Structures are given as structure tokens and as C-alpha cells.
Amino acid sequence: MTDETIDDLMEATYQALCKHGYAELTMQDIAAESDKSKGTLHYHFEGKQDLLESFLEYLLAEFEERTETIPGETPAEQLHEFLEELLTPADEDSAEEFRTAILEIKAQSPYNEAYRDQLSGFDAALRDRIAGLVADGLEAGEFREGIDPEETADFLVTLFQGAQTRAAAVDRPPERTKRYVHDYIDDTLRRDGSSDSASTRSDGGTEAGR
């Protein structure tokens, strides 16, 4: 497949997931959101599960590319920006529907090794990125001595995943978690407890939930 075809099919999958959810999603639904035929989808993918495995892989690659360079002059500022990015939907109009669809896919992962592998890869990428920023902050003397980058990253990823699940399950927008995350960075991680300019953001933001 060409990059253009991949992008088209992945965007069509995103749109169809938001409209129909995981359980009701069909290959025809995805084709309807694309300029490709259902036959073209079946030529490239064995079925819905195969396509969704590729979709999850695509999301991970897109996330890694998008966050390869993080704004900010210091590791603390970059950590603020990275978590702001995570907790702000890229597409406000379909954020709720997409979170619900992803939660449905996550619910299948205990029984679906391929889904579990892709979701584990995303989880690991988040932990590694955050742990790297925390380690950089320790080296720069921004964060308190004794902080464990891996444990801190694990906590923040768990917080992010929980915020996403609560948003889908009980309609508590993850954006409301942002203030507490920024406070945690400034009050718990930073050596001097000083407030970073990023922590004074409003609950709106420019982020990527997808």
C-alpha cells in the first residue's frame, strides 16, 4: 500500500469507529468513510480485526512521530507540554466517541493477543517518554533527588489511562485532570517547588488524544 492509501484507510477507520463503535463496526462502514471500496479493504486486510490491529499500530507510529520533538526549554517544561498533549483531545468533536471505541477495544485485549500487544506497545512508549524526561530533569537538577524515573512514569501513565477510562465510562472529561498533573510536576517533582508557566494553563489546550 502507498502511504496515501494507508492514511486514507486509517482516517476512514477512525471516522467509522467514532460513528459506530467497536462492536457494531463493519468493513462496509469503514469503506463508506473512504474513497476505497470494500473489496479494496479485503484485499489489504483479512477482516475487521486485522484492520484494527493495523490501526492501533498506525496510532502508535503517529504518536511517536508527533511527540518526537516536545516544546519547552527545560525537561520540566517539556514534561508539562507532553502531559498537556496527552490530556487534550486532538479532535474535540469526536473525542468522546473515539475514547469509547478505544475502551471497547481495550476490553477485548485480555482475550485478543494482537490487540494486547499493540496496546502494550503504546503503554511502553508512554512510560519510556515520560521516564526519559524525568531522568533529564534529574540530571539538570530540576527535580528532587531520589525520584525514580520509571516509578514516576508508571504513575503518570496509570493516571492518564485512568483519566481516559473515566471519561468514557462516567463522562468525566480528562481535561479536568490536567490541573492536578501540572501541580504534581511543580509541587512534587520539582526541586524548588516553583510553579512552571505551563502549570497555569486553563483547562483548554492544544493536545492530542488520538
N, C-alpha and C. Protein backbone atom coordinates (compact mmCIF):
# COMPACT_ATOMS: atom_id res chain seq x y z
N MET A 1 0.84 -1.20 0.00
CA MET A 1 0.00 0.00 0.00
C MET A 1 0.87 1.25 0.00
N THR A 2 0.43 2.28 -0.68
CA THR A 2 1.12 3.55 -0.63
C THR A 2 0.80 4.25 0.69
N ASP A 3 1.64 5.22 1.05
CA ASP A 3 1.38 5.99 2.27
C ASP A 3 0.04 6.69 2.19
N GLU A 4 -0.31 7.17 1.01
CA GLU A 4 -1.59 7.86 0.84
C GLU A 4 -2.76 6.92 1.09
N THR A 5 -2.65 5.68 0.60
CA THR A 5 -3.71 4.70 0.82
C THR A 5 -3.82 4.34 2.30
N ILE A 6 -2.68 4.14 2.96
CA ILE A 6 -2.68 3.83 4.39
C ILE A 6 -3.35 4.95 5.18
N ASP A 7 -2.94 6.19 4.89
CA ASP A 7 -3.51 7.34 5.62
C ASP A 7 -5.02 7.41 5.40
N ASP A 8 -5.46 7.17 4.17
CA ASP A 8 -6.88 7.23 3.86
C ASP A 8 -7.65 6.15 4.61
N LEU A 9 -7.15 4.94 4.62
CA LEU A 9 -7.85 3.84 5.30
C LEU A 9 -7.84 4.01 6.81
N MET A 10 -6.74 4.53 7.36
CA MET A 10 -6.69 4.73 8.81
C MET A 10 -7.61 5.86 9.25
N GLU A 11 -7.68 6.92 8.44
CA GLU A 11 -8.62 8.01 8.75
C GLU A 11 -10.05 7.52 8.63
N ALA A 12 -10.33 6.69 7.64
CA ALA A 12 -11.67 6.13 7.48
C ALA A 12 -12.01 5.23 8.66
N THR A 13 -11.04 4.47 9.15
CA THR A 13 -11.26 3.62 10.33
C THR A 13 -11.58 4.46 11.55
N TYR A 14 -10.84 5.55 11.72
CA TYR A 14 -11.09 6.46 12.84
C TYR A 14 -12.52 7.00 12.78
N GLN A 15 -12.91 7.51 11.62
CA GLN A 15 -14.24 8.09 11.47
C GLN A 15 -15.33 7.05 11.71
N ALA A 16 -15.13 5.83 11.19
CA ALA A 16 -16.13 4.78 11.35
C ALA A 16 -16.23 4.32 12.81
N LEU A 17 -15.10 4.24 13.49
CA LEU A 17 -15.12 3.88 14.91
C LEU A 17 -15.90 4.91 15.72
N CYS A 18 -15.69 6.18 15.42
CA CYS A 18 -16.40 7.24 16.15
C CYS A 18 -17.90 7.17 15.90
N LYS A 19 -18.29 6.81 14.71
CA LYS A 19 -19.72 6.76 14.36
C LYS A 19 -20.41 5.51 14.87
N HIS A 20 -19.71 4.36 14.79
CA HIS A 20 -20.38 3.08 15.03
C HIS A 20 -19.91 2.35 16.29
N GLY A 21 -18.75 2.74 16.84
CA GLY A 21 -18.20 1.99 17.96
C GLY A 21 -17.56 0.70 17.49
N TYR A 22 -16.88 0.02 18.40
CA TYR A 22 -16.17 -1.20 18.03
C TYR A 22 -17.10 -2.35 17.70
N ALA A 23 -18.07 -2.60 18.56
CA ALA A 23 -18.90 -3.81 18.43
C ALA A 23 -19.69 -3.82 17.12
N GLU A 24 -20.22 -2.67 16.71
CA GLU A 24 -21.08 -2.61 15.53
C GLU A 24 -20.30 -2.32 14.25
N LEU A 25 -19.01 -2.07 14.37
CA LEU A 25 -18.21 -1.68 13.22
C LEU A 25 -18.10 -2.81 12.19
N THR A 26 -18.27 -2.45 10.92
CA THR A 26 -18.11 -3.42 9.83
C THR A 26 -17.12 -2.87 8.80
N MET A 27 -16.63 -3.74 7.96
CA MET A 27 -15.74 -3.31 6.89
C MET A 27 -16.47 -2.36 5.93
N GLN A 28 -17.76 -2.57 5.75
CA GLN A 28 -18.54 -1.68 4.89
C GLN A 28 -18.61 -0.28 5.49
N ASP A 29 -18.73 -0.20 6.82
CA ASP A 29 -18.75 1.10 7.48
C ASP A 29 -17.46 1.87 7.20
N ILE A 30 -16.34 1.15 7.25
CA ILE A 30 -15.04 1.79 7.02
C ILE A 30 -14.92 2.21 5.56
N ALA A 31 -15.36 1.34 4.65
CA ALA A 31 -15.31 1.68 3.23
C ALA A 31 -16.15 2.91 2.93
N ALA A 32 -17.26 3.05 3.65
CA ALA A 32 -18.16 4.19 3.43
C ALA A 32 -17.50 5.51 3.80
N GLU A 33 -16.51 5.47 4.68
CA GLU A 33 -15.81 6.68 5.09
C GLU A 33 -14.58 6.94 4.23
N SER A 34 -14.34 6.06 3.27
CA SER A 34 -13.14 6.16 2.43
C SER A 34 -13.54 6.30 0.97
N ASP A 35 -12.55 6.63 0.13
CA ASP A 35 -12.81 6.61 -1.31
C ASP A 35 -12.43 5.27 -1.91
N LYS A 36 -12.12 4.30 -1.02
CA LYS A 36 -11.78 2.94 -1.45
C LYS A 36 -13.00 2.04 -1.29
N SER A 37 -13.05 0.98 -2.07
CA SER A 37 -14.18 0.05 -2.00
C SER A 37 -13.98 -0.96 -0.88
N LYS A 38 -15.06 -1.63 -0.52
CA LYS A 38 -14.97 -2.70 0.47
C LYS A 38 -14.03 -3.79 -0.02
N GLY A 39 -14.05 -4.05 -1.33
CA GLY A 39 -13.16 -5.05 -1.90
C GLY A 39 -11.70 -4.68 -1.71
N THR A 40 -11.39 -3.39 -1.81
CA THR A 40 -10.02 -2.93 -1.60
C THR A 40 -9.58 -3.20 -0.17
N LEU A 41 -10.48 -2.95 0.79
CA LEU A 41 -10.17 -3.22 2.20
C LEU A 41 -9.86 -4.70 2.40
N HIS A 42 -10.68 -5.56 1.81
CA HIS A 42 -10.47 -7.00 1.98
C HIS A 42 -9.23 -7.48 1.23
N TYR A 43 -8.81 -6.72 0.23
CA TYR A 43 -7.57 -7.08 -0.48
C TYR A 43 -6.37 -6.86 0.43
N HIS A 44 -6.41 -5.80 1.23
CA HIS A 44 -5.29 -5.45 2.09
C HIS A 44 -5.39 -6.06 3.49
N PHE A 45 -6.60 -6.33 3.95
CA PHE A 45 -6.80 -6.83 5.32
C PHE A 45 -7.73 -8.04 5.30
N GLU A 46 -7.45 -9.01 6.17
CA GLU A 46 -8.26 -10.22 6.21
C GLU A 46 -9.66 -9.96 6.75
N GLY A 47 -9.78 -8.97 7.61
CA GLY A 47 -11.08 -8.66 8.19
C GLY A 47 -10.95 -7.52 9.17
N LYS A 48 -12.01 -7.29 9.95
CA LYS A 48 -12.04 -6.16 10.87
C LYS A 48 -10.91 -6.22 11.89
N GLN A 49 -10.67 -7.39 12.44
CA GLN A 49 -9.63 -7.50 13.47
C GLN A 49 -8.26 -7.15 12.89
N ASP A 50 -7.95 -7.67 11.72
CA ASP A 50 -6.67 -7.40 11.08
C ASP A 50 -6.52 -5.90 10.82
N LEU A 51 -7.59 -5.26 10.35
CA LEU A 51 -7.53 -3.83 10.07
C LEU A 51 -7.33 -3.04 11.36
N LEU A 52 -8.04 -3.43 12.42
CA LEU A 52 -7.91 -2.69 13.68
C LEU A 52 -6.54 -2.89 14.33
N GLU A 53 -5.93 -4.04 14.12
CA GLU A 53 -4.56 -4.23 14.60
C GLU A 53 -3.64 -3.23 13.90
N SER A 54 -3.83 -3.08 12.59
CA SER A 54 -3.03 -2.12 11.83
C SER A 54 -3.34 -0.68 12.26
N PHE A 55 -4.59 -0.43 12.59
CA PHE A 55 -4.98 0.90 13.06
C PHE A 55 -4.28 1.25 14.36
N LEU A 56 -4.25 0.31 15.31
CA LEU A 56 -3.56 0.56 16.58
C LEU A 56 -2.07 0.78 16.36
N GLU A 57 -1.49 0.00 15.46
CA GLU A 57 -0.07 0.17 15.12
C GLU A 57 0.16 1.55 14.50
N TYR A 58 -0.76 1.97 13.64
CA TYR A 58 -0.67 3.28 13.00
C TYR A 58 -0.75 4.39 14.03
N LEU A 59 -1.66 4.27 15.00
CA LEU A 59 -1.79 5.29 16.04
C LEU A 59 -0.50 5.42 16.84
N LEU A 60 0.13 4.30 17.14
CA LEU A 60 1.39 4.34 17.89
C LEU A 60 2.48 5.05 17.09
N ALA A 61 2.60 4.70 15.81
CA ALA A 61 3.61 5.35 14.97
C ALA A 61 3.34 6.84 14.84
N GLU A 62 2.07 7.21 14.70
CA GLU A 62 1.69 8.61 14.59
C GLU A 62 2.02 9.36 15.88
N PHE A 63 1.73 8.72 17.01
CA PHE A 63 2.02 9.33 18.31
C PHE A 63 3.53 9.54 18.48
N GLU A 64 4.32 8.54 18.16
CA GLU A 64 5.76 8.66 18.33
C GLU A 64 6.34 9.75 17.43
N GLU A 65 5.82 9.85 16.21
CA GLU A 65 6.30 10.89 15.30
C GLU A 65 5.90 12.28 15.80
N ARG A 66 4.66 12.39 16.28
CA ARG A 66 4.15 13.69 16.72
C ARG A 66 4.87 14.20 17.96
N THR A 67 5.30 13.28 18.82
CA THR A 67 5.92 13.69 20.09
C THR A 67 7.44 13.52 20.07
N GLU A 68 7.99 13.33 18.88
CA GLU A 68 9.45 13.18 18.79
C GLU A 68 10.15 14.44 19.29
N THR A 69 9.58 15.58 18.96
CA THR A 69 10.10 16.85 19.45
C THR A 69 9.03 17.51 20.31
N ILE A 70 9.37 17.79 21.57
CA ILE A 70 8.42 18.37 22.51
C ILE A 70 8.84 19.81 22.81
N PRO A 71 7.90 20.77 22.73
CA PRO A 71 8.25 22.15 23.05
C PRO A 71 8.72 22.29 24.49
N GLY A 72 9.51 23.32 24.74
CA GLY A 72 9.98 23.58 26.10
C GLY A 72 11.48 23.69 26.16
N GLU A 73 11.98 24.62 26.96
CA GLU A 73 13.42 24.83 27.05
C GLU A 73 14.07 23.95 28.10
N THR A 74 13.29 23.39 29.02
CA THR A 74 13.84 22.55 30.08
C THR A 74 13.05 21.25 30.15
N PRO A 75 13.61 20.20 30.77
CA PRO A 75 12.86 18.94 30.89
C PRO A 75 11.53 19.11 31.62
N ALA A 76 11.48 19.97 32.64
CA ALA A 76 10.22 20.19 33.36
C ALA A 76 9.17 20.80 32.44
N GLU A 77 9.57 21.80 31.65
CA GLU A 77 8.64 22.40 30.71
C GLU A 77 8.17 21.38 29.67
N GLN A 78 9.08 20.54 29.23
CA GLN A 78 8.72 19.52 28.24
C GLN A 78 7.77 18.48 28.84
N LEU A 79 7.97 18.14 30.11
CA LEU A 79 7.06 17.19 30.75
C LEU A 79 5.67 17.79 30.87
N HIS A 80 5.59 19.08 31.23
CA HIS A 80 4.30 19.76 31.26
C HIS A 80 3.64 19.69 29.88
N GLU A 81 4.39 20.01 28.84
CA GLU A 81 3.83 20.05 27.49
C GLU A 81 3.39 18.66 27.03
N PHE A 82 4.19 17.65 27.36
CA PHE A 82 3.87 16.29 26.93
C PHE A 82 2.56 15.81 27.56
N LEU A 83 2.40 16.06 28.85
CA LEU A 83 1.19 15.61 29.53
C LEU A 83 -0.01 16.47 29.13
N GLU A 84 0.24 17.74 28.85
CA GLU A 84 -0.83 18.58 28.30
C GLU A 84 -1.31 18.01 26.97
N GLU A 85 -0.37 17.58 26.16
CA GLU A 85 -0.68 16.97 24.87
C GLU A 85 -1.53 15.71 25.04
N LEU A 86 -1.15 14.89 25.99
CA LEU A 86 -1.87 13.63 26.21
C LEU A 86 -3.30 13.85 26.66
N LEU A 87 -3.51 14.87 27.47
CA LEU A 87 -4.81 15.04 28.12
C LEU A 87 -5.72 16.04 27.42
N THR A 88 -5.37 16.42 26.20
CA THR A 88 -6.23 17.31 25.42
C THR A 88 -6.56 16.62 24.11
N PRO A 89 -7.84 16.38 23.81
CA PRO A 89 -8.21 15.68 22.58
C PRO A 89 -7.76 16.44 21.34
N ALA A 90 -7.30 15.71 20.35
CA ALA A 90 -6.92 16.33 19.08
C ALA A 90 -8.16 16.79 18.33
N ASP A 91 -9.25 16.06 18.51
CA ASP A 91 -10.49 16.37 17.80
C ASP A 91 -11.61 16.44 18.83
N GLU A 92 -11.94 17.64 19.27
CA GLU A 92 -12.96 17.80 20.31
C GLU A 92 -14.32 17.26 19.87
N ASP A 93 -14.63 17.38 18.59
CA ASP A 93 -15.95 16.99 18.11
C ASP A 93 -16.22 15.50 18.26
N SER A 94 -15.16 14.68 18.15
CA SER A 94 -15.37 13.23 18.21
C SER A 94 -14.59 12.58 19.36
N ALA A 95 -14.08 13.39 20.28
CA ALA A 95 -13.24 12.85 21.35
C ALA A 95 -13.97 11.81 22.19
N GLU A 96 -15.21 12.10 22.57
CA GLU A 96 -15.96 11.17 23.42
C GLU A 96 -16.21 9.85 22.71
N GLU A 97 -16.61 9.93 21.45
CA GLU A 97 -16.90 8.70 20.70
C GLU A 97 -15.64 7.87 20.50
N PHE A 98 -14.52 8.54 20.22
CA PHE A 98 -13.29 7.80 20.00
C PHE A 98 -12.80 7.15 21.29
N ARG A 99 -12.87 7.86 22.42
CA ARG A 99 -12.47 7.26 23.70
C ARG A 99 -13.31 6.02 24.00
N THR A 100 -14.60 6.10 23.70
CA THR A 100 -15.47 4.96 23.96
C THR A 100 -15.08 3.77 23.08
N ALA A 101 -14.79 4.02 21.81
CA ALA A 101 -14.39 2.94 20.90
C ALA A 101 -13.08 2.31 21.36
N ILE A 102 -12.12 3.13 21.77
CA ILE A 102 -10.84 2.60 22.25
C ILE A 102 -11.04 1.79 23.52
N LEU A 103 -11.94 2.25 24.40
CA LEU A 103 -12.23 1.49 25.62
C LEU A 103 -12.81 0.12 25.27
N GLU A 104 -13.65 0.07 24.24
CA GLU A 104 -14.20 -1.21 23.79
C GLU A 104 -13.09 -2.13 23.29
N ILE A 105 -12.13 -1.57 22.56
CA ILE A 105 -11.01 -2.38 22.07
C ILE A 105 -10.16 -2.86 23.25
N LYS A 106 -9.92 -1.98 24.22
CA LYS A 106 -9.15 -2.38 25.40
C LYS A 106 -9.84 -3.52 26.14
N ALA A 107 -11.16 -3.49 26.17
CA ALA A 107 -11.91 -4.55 26.85
C ALA A 107 -11.72 -5.90 26.18
N GLN A 108 -11.36 -5.89 24.89
CA GLN A 108 -11.13 -7.14 24.17
C GLN A 108 -9.70 -7.67 24.36
N SER A 109 -8.79 -6.81 24.83
CA SER A 109 -7.37 -7.18 24.86
C SER A 109 -7.04 -8.38 25.76
N PRO A 110 -7.77 -8.63 26.87
CA PRO A 110 -7.45 -9.84 27.64
C PRO A 110 -7.68 -11.13 26.85
N TYR A 111 -8.50 -11.05 25.80
CA TYR A 111 -8.84 -12.23 25.01
C TYR A 111 -8.23 -12.19 23.61
N ASN A 112 -7.56 -11.07 23.29
CA ASN A 112 -7.04 -10.87 21.95
C ASN A 112 -5.57 -10.47 22.06
N GLU A 113 -4.69 -11.41 21.79
CA GLU A 113 -3.26 -11.16 21.98
C GLU A 113 -2.74 -10.04 21.08
N ALA A 114 -3.26 -9.95 19.86
CA ALA A 114 -2.78 -8.93 18.93
C ALA A 114 -3.14 -7.53 19.44
N TYR A 115 -4.37 -7.35 19.90
CA TYR A 115 -4.76 -6.06 20.47
C TYR A 115 -3.89 -5.76 21.69
N ARG A 116 -3.71 -6.77 22.53
CA ARG A 116 -2.93 -6.58 23.77
C ARG A 116 -1.49 -6.17 23.45
N ASP A 117 -0.91 -6.76 22.42
CA ASP A 117 0.47 -6.41 22.05
C ASP A 117 0.55 -4.96 21.59
N GLN A 118 -0.40 -4.52 20.79
CA GLN A 118 -0.38 -3.14 20.30
C GLN A 118 -0.60 -2.14 21.43
N LEU A 119 -1.55 -2.45 22.32
CA LEU A 119 -1.81 -1.57 23.45
C LEU A 119 -0.63 -1.54 24.42
N SER A 120 0.03 -2.68 24.58
CA SER A 120 1.22 -2.74 25.44
C SER A 120 2.34 -1.89 24.85
N GLY A 121 2.44 -1.89 23.52
CA GLY A 121 3.46 -1.07 22.87
C GLY A 121 3.23 0.41 23.10
N PHE A 122 1.97 0.83 23.05
CA PHE A 122 1.65 2.23 23.31
C PHE A 122 1.94 2.58 24.77
N ASP A 123 1.57 1.69 25.67
CA ASP A 123 1.83 1.92 27.09
C ASP A 123 3.32 2.05 27.36
N ALA A 124 4.11 1.19 26.75
CA ALA A 124 5.56 1.23 26.93
C ALA A 124 6.16 2.51 26.35
N ALA A 125 5.63 2.95 25.20
CA ALA A 125 6.13 4.18 24.59
C ALA A 125 5.86 5.38 25.50
N LEU A 126 4.69 5.42 26.11
CA LEU A 126 4.37 6.49 27.06
C LEU A 126 5.33 6.47 28.25
N ARG A 127 5.50 5.29 28.84
CA ARG A 127 6.38 5.18 30.01
C ARG A 127 7.80 5.60 29.67
N ASP A 128 8.30 5.12 28.54
CA ASP A 128 9.68 5.44 28.16
C ASP A 128 9.86 6.94 27.93
N ARG A 129 8.88 7.57 27.29
CA ARG A 129 8.99 9.00 27.00
C ARG A 129 8.99 9.81 28.29
N ILE A 130 8.07 9.48 29.19
CA ILE A 130 7.99 10.21 30.46
C ILE A 130 9.21 9.95 31.32
N ALA A 131 9.62 8.69 31.41
CA ALA A 131 10.80 8.35 32.22
C ALA A 131 12.03 9.08 31.71
N GLY A 132 12.16 9.21 30.39
CA GLY A 132 13.29 9.93 29.81
C GLY A 132 13.29 11.40 30.20
N LEU A 133 12.10 12.02 30.19
CA LEU A 133 12.00 13.43 30.58
C LEU A 133 12.31 13.62 32.06
N VAL A 134 11.84 12.70 32.88
CA VAL A 134 12.13 12.79 34.33
C VAL A 134 13.62 12.60 34.58
N ALA A 135 14.23 11.64 33.90
CA ALA A 135 15.68 11.41 34.05
C ALA A 135 16.46 12.65 33.61
N ASP A 136 16.02 13.28 32.53
CA ASP A 136 16.68 14.51 32.07
C ASP A 136 16.54 15.62 33.11
N GLY A 137 15.36 15.69 33.74
CA GLY A 137 15.14 16.70 34.76
C GLY A 137 16.00 16.48 35.99
N LEU A 138 16.21 15.23 36.35
CA LEU A 138 17.10 14.91 37.46
C LEU A 138 18.53 15.31 37.14
N GLU A 139 18.95 14.98 35.93
CA GLU A 139 20.32 15.30 35.53
C GLU A 139 20.55 16.81 35.49
N ALA A 140 19.49 17.56 35.11
CA ALA A 140 19.61 19.01 35.04
C ALA A 140 19.44 19.68 36.39
N GLY A 141 19.11 18.88 37.43
CA GLY A 141 18.93 19.44 38.76
C GLY A 141 17.57 20.10 38.96
N GLU A 142 16.63 19.85 38.04
CA GLU A 142 15.29 20.45 38.17
C GLU A 142 14.40 19.68 39.14
N PHE A 143 14.59 18.36 39.19
CA PHE A 143 13.72 17.53 40.01
C PHE A 143 14.44 17.08 41.27
N ARG A 144 13.67 16.73 42.27
CA ARG A 144 14.21 16.36 43.57
C ARG A 144 15.04 15.08 43.48
N GLU A 145 16.10 15.02 44.26
CA GLU A 145 16.90 13.81 44.33
C GLU A 145 16.08 12.67 44.91
N GLY A 146 16.34 11.47 44.45
CA GLY A 146 15.64 10.30 44.97
C GLY A 146 14.41 9.92 44.19
N ILE A 147 13.98 10.76 43.27
CA ILE A 147 12.83 10.44 42.43
C ILE A 147 13.24 9.35 41.43
N ASP A 148 12.42 8.35 41.32
CA ASP A 148 12.69 7.25 40.40
C ASP A 148 11.96 7.51 39.08
N PRO A 149 12.68 7.70 37.98
CA PRO A 149 12.03 8.00 36.69
C PRO A 149 11.03 6.93 36.26
N GLU A 150 11.38 5.66 36.44
CA GLU A 150 10.49 4.58 35.99
C GLU A 150 9.21 4.54 36.82
N GLU A 151 9.34 4.69 38.14
CA GLU A 151 8.15 4.68 39.00
C GLU A 151 7.28 5.90 38.74
N THR A 152 7.91 7.04 38.54
CA THR A 152 7.15 8.26 38.24
C THR A 152 6.41 8.11 36.92
N ALA A 153 7.08 7.56 35.92
CA ALA A 153 6.44 7.36 34.62
C ALA A 153 5.28 6.38 34.73
N ASP A 154 5.46 5.32 35.49
CA ASP A 154 4.39 4.34 35.66
C ASP A 154 3.17 4.99 36.32
N PHE A 155 3.41 5.83 37.31
CA PHE A 155 2.31 6.52 37.99
C PHE A 155 1.57 7.45 37.03
N LEU A 156 2.31 8.23 36.25
CA LEU A 156 1.68 9.19 35.36
C LEU A 156 0.95 8.51 34.21
N VAL A 157 1.48 7.40 33.71
CA VAL A 157 0.77 6.65 32.67
C VAL A 157 -0.52 6.06 33.24
N THR A 158 -0.45 5.53 34.45
CA THR A 158 -1.66 4.99 35.09
C THR A 158 -2.69 6.10 35.27
N LEU A 159 -2.25 7.29 35.65
CA LEU A 159 -3.15 8.43 35.81
C LEU A 159 -3.80 8.79 34.48
N PHE A 160 -3.01 8.82 33.42
CA PHE A 160 -3.53 9.13 32.10
C PHE A 160 -4.54 8.08 31.64
N GLN A 161 -4.18 6.81 31.77
CA GLN A 161 -5.08 5.74 31.34
C GLN A 161 -6.38 5.77 32.14
N GLY A 162 -6.26 6.03 33.44
CA GLY A 162 -7.46 6.13 34.27
C GLY A 162 -8.34 7.29 33.87
N ALA A 163 -7.73 8.41 33.53
CA ALA A 163 -8.50 9.58 33.09
C ALA A 163 -9.27 9.26 31.81
N GLN A 164 -8.61 8.54 30.88
CA GLN A 164 -9.27 8.16 29.63
C GLN A 164 -10.45 7.22 29.89
N THR A 165 -10.24 6.26 30.78
CA THR A 165 -11.30 5.30 31.09
C THR A 165 -12.47 5.98 31.78
N ARG A 166 -12.20 6.85 32.74
CA ARG A 166 -13.28 7.56 33.44
C ARG A 166 -14.06 8.45 32.48
N ALA A 167 -13.35 9.05 31.53
CA ALA A 167 -14.04 9.91 30.57
C ALA A 167 -15.03 9.12 29.74
N ALA A 168 -14.65 7.90 29.34
CA ALA A 168 -15.53 7.07 28.53
C ALA A 168 -16.63 6.42 29.37
N ALA A 169 -16.30 6.03 30.60
CA ALA A 169 -17.24 5.25 31.40
C ALA A 169 -18.23 6.11 32.19
N VAL A 170 -17.76 7.23 32.74
CA VAL A 170 -18.63 8.03 33.61
C VAL A 170 -18.67 9.50 33.18
N ASP A 171 -18.22 9.78 31.95
CA ASP A 171 -18.32 11.11 31.38
C ASP A 171 -17.61 12.18 32.22
N ARG A 172 -16.41 11.84 32.70
CA ARG A 172 -15.60 12.84 33.40
C ARG A 172 -14.46 13.22 32.46
N PRO A 173 -14.52 14.39 31.84
CA PRO A 173 -13.52 14.77 30.83
C PRO A 173 -12.10 14.70 31.39
N PRO A 174 -11.16 14.11 30.66
CA PRO A 174 -9.78 14.02 31.14
C PRO A 174 -9.12 15.38 31.29
N GLU A 175 -9.67 16.39 30.60
CA GLU A 175 -9.10 17.73 30.72
C GLU A 175 -9.12 18.21 32.16
N ARG A 176 -10.07 17.73 32.95
CA ARG A 176 -10.16 18.15 34.34
C ARG A 176 -9.00 17.62 35.17
N THR A 177 -8.32 16.61 34.65
CA THR A 177 -7.17 16.03 35.36
C THR A 177 -5.91 16.86 35.15
N LYS A 178 -5.90 17.68 34.12
CA LYS A 178 -4.68 18.39 33.75
C LYS A 178 -4.12 19.25 34.89
N ARG A 179 -5.01 19.96 35.59
CA ARG A 179 -4.52 20.85 36.65
C ARG A 179 -3.78 20.07 37.71
N TYR A 180 -4.31 18.90 38.07
CA TYR A 180 -3.67 18.10 39.11
C TYR A 180 -2.33 17.54 38.63
N VAL A 181 -2.25 17.20 37.36
CA VAL A 181 -0.99 16.69 36.81
C VAL A 181 0.08 17.79 36.84
N HIS A 182 -0.29 18.98 36.43
CA HIS A 182 0.67 20.09 36.44
C HIS A 182 1.11 20.42 37.87
N ASP A 183 0.16 20.37 38.80
CA ASP A 183 0.51 20.62 40.21
C ASP A 183 1.48 19.54 40.72
N TYR A 184 1.26 18.31 40.30
CA TYR A 184 2.13 17.22 40.72
C TYR A 184 3.57 17.46 40.25
N ILE A 185 3.71 17.90 39.01
CA ILE A 185 5.05 18.17 38.49
C ILE A 185 5.71 19.29 39.30
N ASP A 186 4.97 20.37 39.55
CA ASP A 186 5.55 21.52 40.23
C ASP A 186 5.75 21.31 41.73
N ASP A 187 4.78 20.66 42.37
CA ASP A 187 4.83 20.56 43.83
C ASP A 187 5.55 19.32 44.34
N THR A 188 5.56 18.26 43.54
CA THR A 188 6.16 17.00 43.99
C THR A 188 7.49 16.71 43.32
N LEU A 189 7.58 16.94 42.03
CA LEU A 189 8.80 16.59 41.31
C LEU A 189 9.86 17.68 41.36
N ARG A 190 9.46 18.92 41.23
CA ARG A 190 10.45 20.00 41.11
C ARG A 190 11.21 20.21 42.41
N ARG A 191 12.49 20.47 42.26
CA ARG A 191 13.38 20.63 43.41
C ARG A 191 12.94 21.79 44.31
N ASP A 192 12.59 22.92 43.69
CA ASP A 192 12.28 24.10 44.48
C ASP A 192 10.79 24.32 44.69
N GLY A 193 9.98 23.41 44.12
CA GLY A 193 8.54 23.55 44.27
C GLY A 193 7.98 24.76 43.55
N SER A 194 8.77 25.35 42.66
CA SER A 194 8.32 26.56 41.97
C SER A 194 7.36 26.20 40.85
N SER A 195 6.50 27.13 40.54
CA SER A 195 5.49 26.88 39.52
C SER A 195 6.06 27.14 38.14
N ASP A 196 5.85 26.21 37.26
CA ASP A 196 6.22 26.37 35.86
C ASP A 196 5.09 27.10 35.15
N SER A 197 5.43 27.89 34.17
CA SER A 197 4.40 28.64 33.46
C SER A 197 3.36 27.72 32.85
N ALA A 198 3.78 26.49 32.48
CA ALA A 198 2.83 25.57 31.85
C ALA A 198 1.73 25.15 32.80
N SER A 199 2.00 25.19 34.12
CA SER A 199 1.01 24.70 35.08
C SER A 199 -0.12 25.68 35.27
N THR A 200 -0.01 26.88 34.74
CA THR A 200 -1.06 27.87 34.91
C THR A 200 -2.02 27.87 33.73
N ARG A 201 -1.93 26.85 32.87
CA ARG A 201 -2.82 26.78 31.72
C ARG A 201 -4.27 26.70 32.17
N SER A 202 -5.14 27.09 31.29
CA SER A 202 -6.56 26.85 31.52
C SER A 202 -6.84 25.41 31.14
N ASP A 203 -8.08 24.96 31.35
CA ASP A 203 -8.42 23.58 31.02
C ASP A 203 -8.58 23.35 29.53
N GLY A 204 -8.43 24.40 28.74
CA GLY A 204 -8.41 24.19 27.30
C GLY A 204 -6.98 23.95 26.90
N GLY A 205 -6.73 23.47 25.71
CA GLY A 205 -5.36 23.23 25.31
C GLY A 205 -5.27 22.76 23.89
N THR A 206 -4.04 22.59 23.47
CA THR A 206 -3.79 22.07 22.14
C THR A 206 -3.18 20.72 22.29
N GLU A 207 -3.93 19.69 22.19
CA GLU A 207 -3.35 18.40 22.53
C GLU A 207 -3.74 17.31 21.59
N ALA A 208 -3.34 16.14 21.92
CA ALA A 208 -3.64 15.02 21.05
C ALA A 208 -4.24 13.91 21.85
N GLY A 209 -5.44 13.60 21.69
CA GLY A 209 -5.96 12.43 22.36
C GLY A 209 -6.03 11.31 21.38
N ARG A 210 -5.50 11.53 20.24
CA ARG A 210 -5.56 10.49 19.22
C ARG A 210 -4.25 10.48 18.51
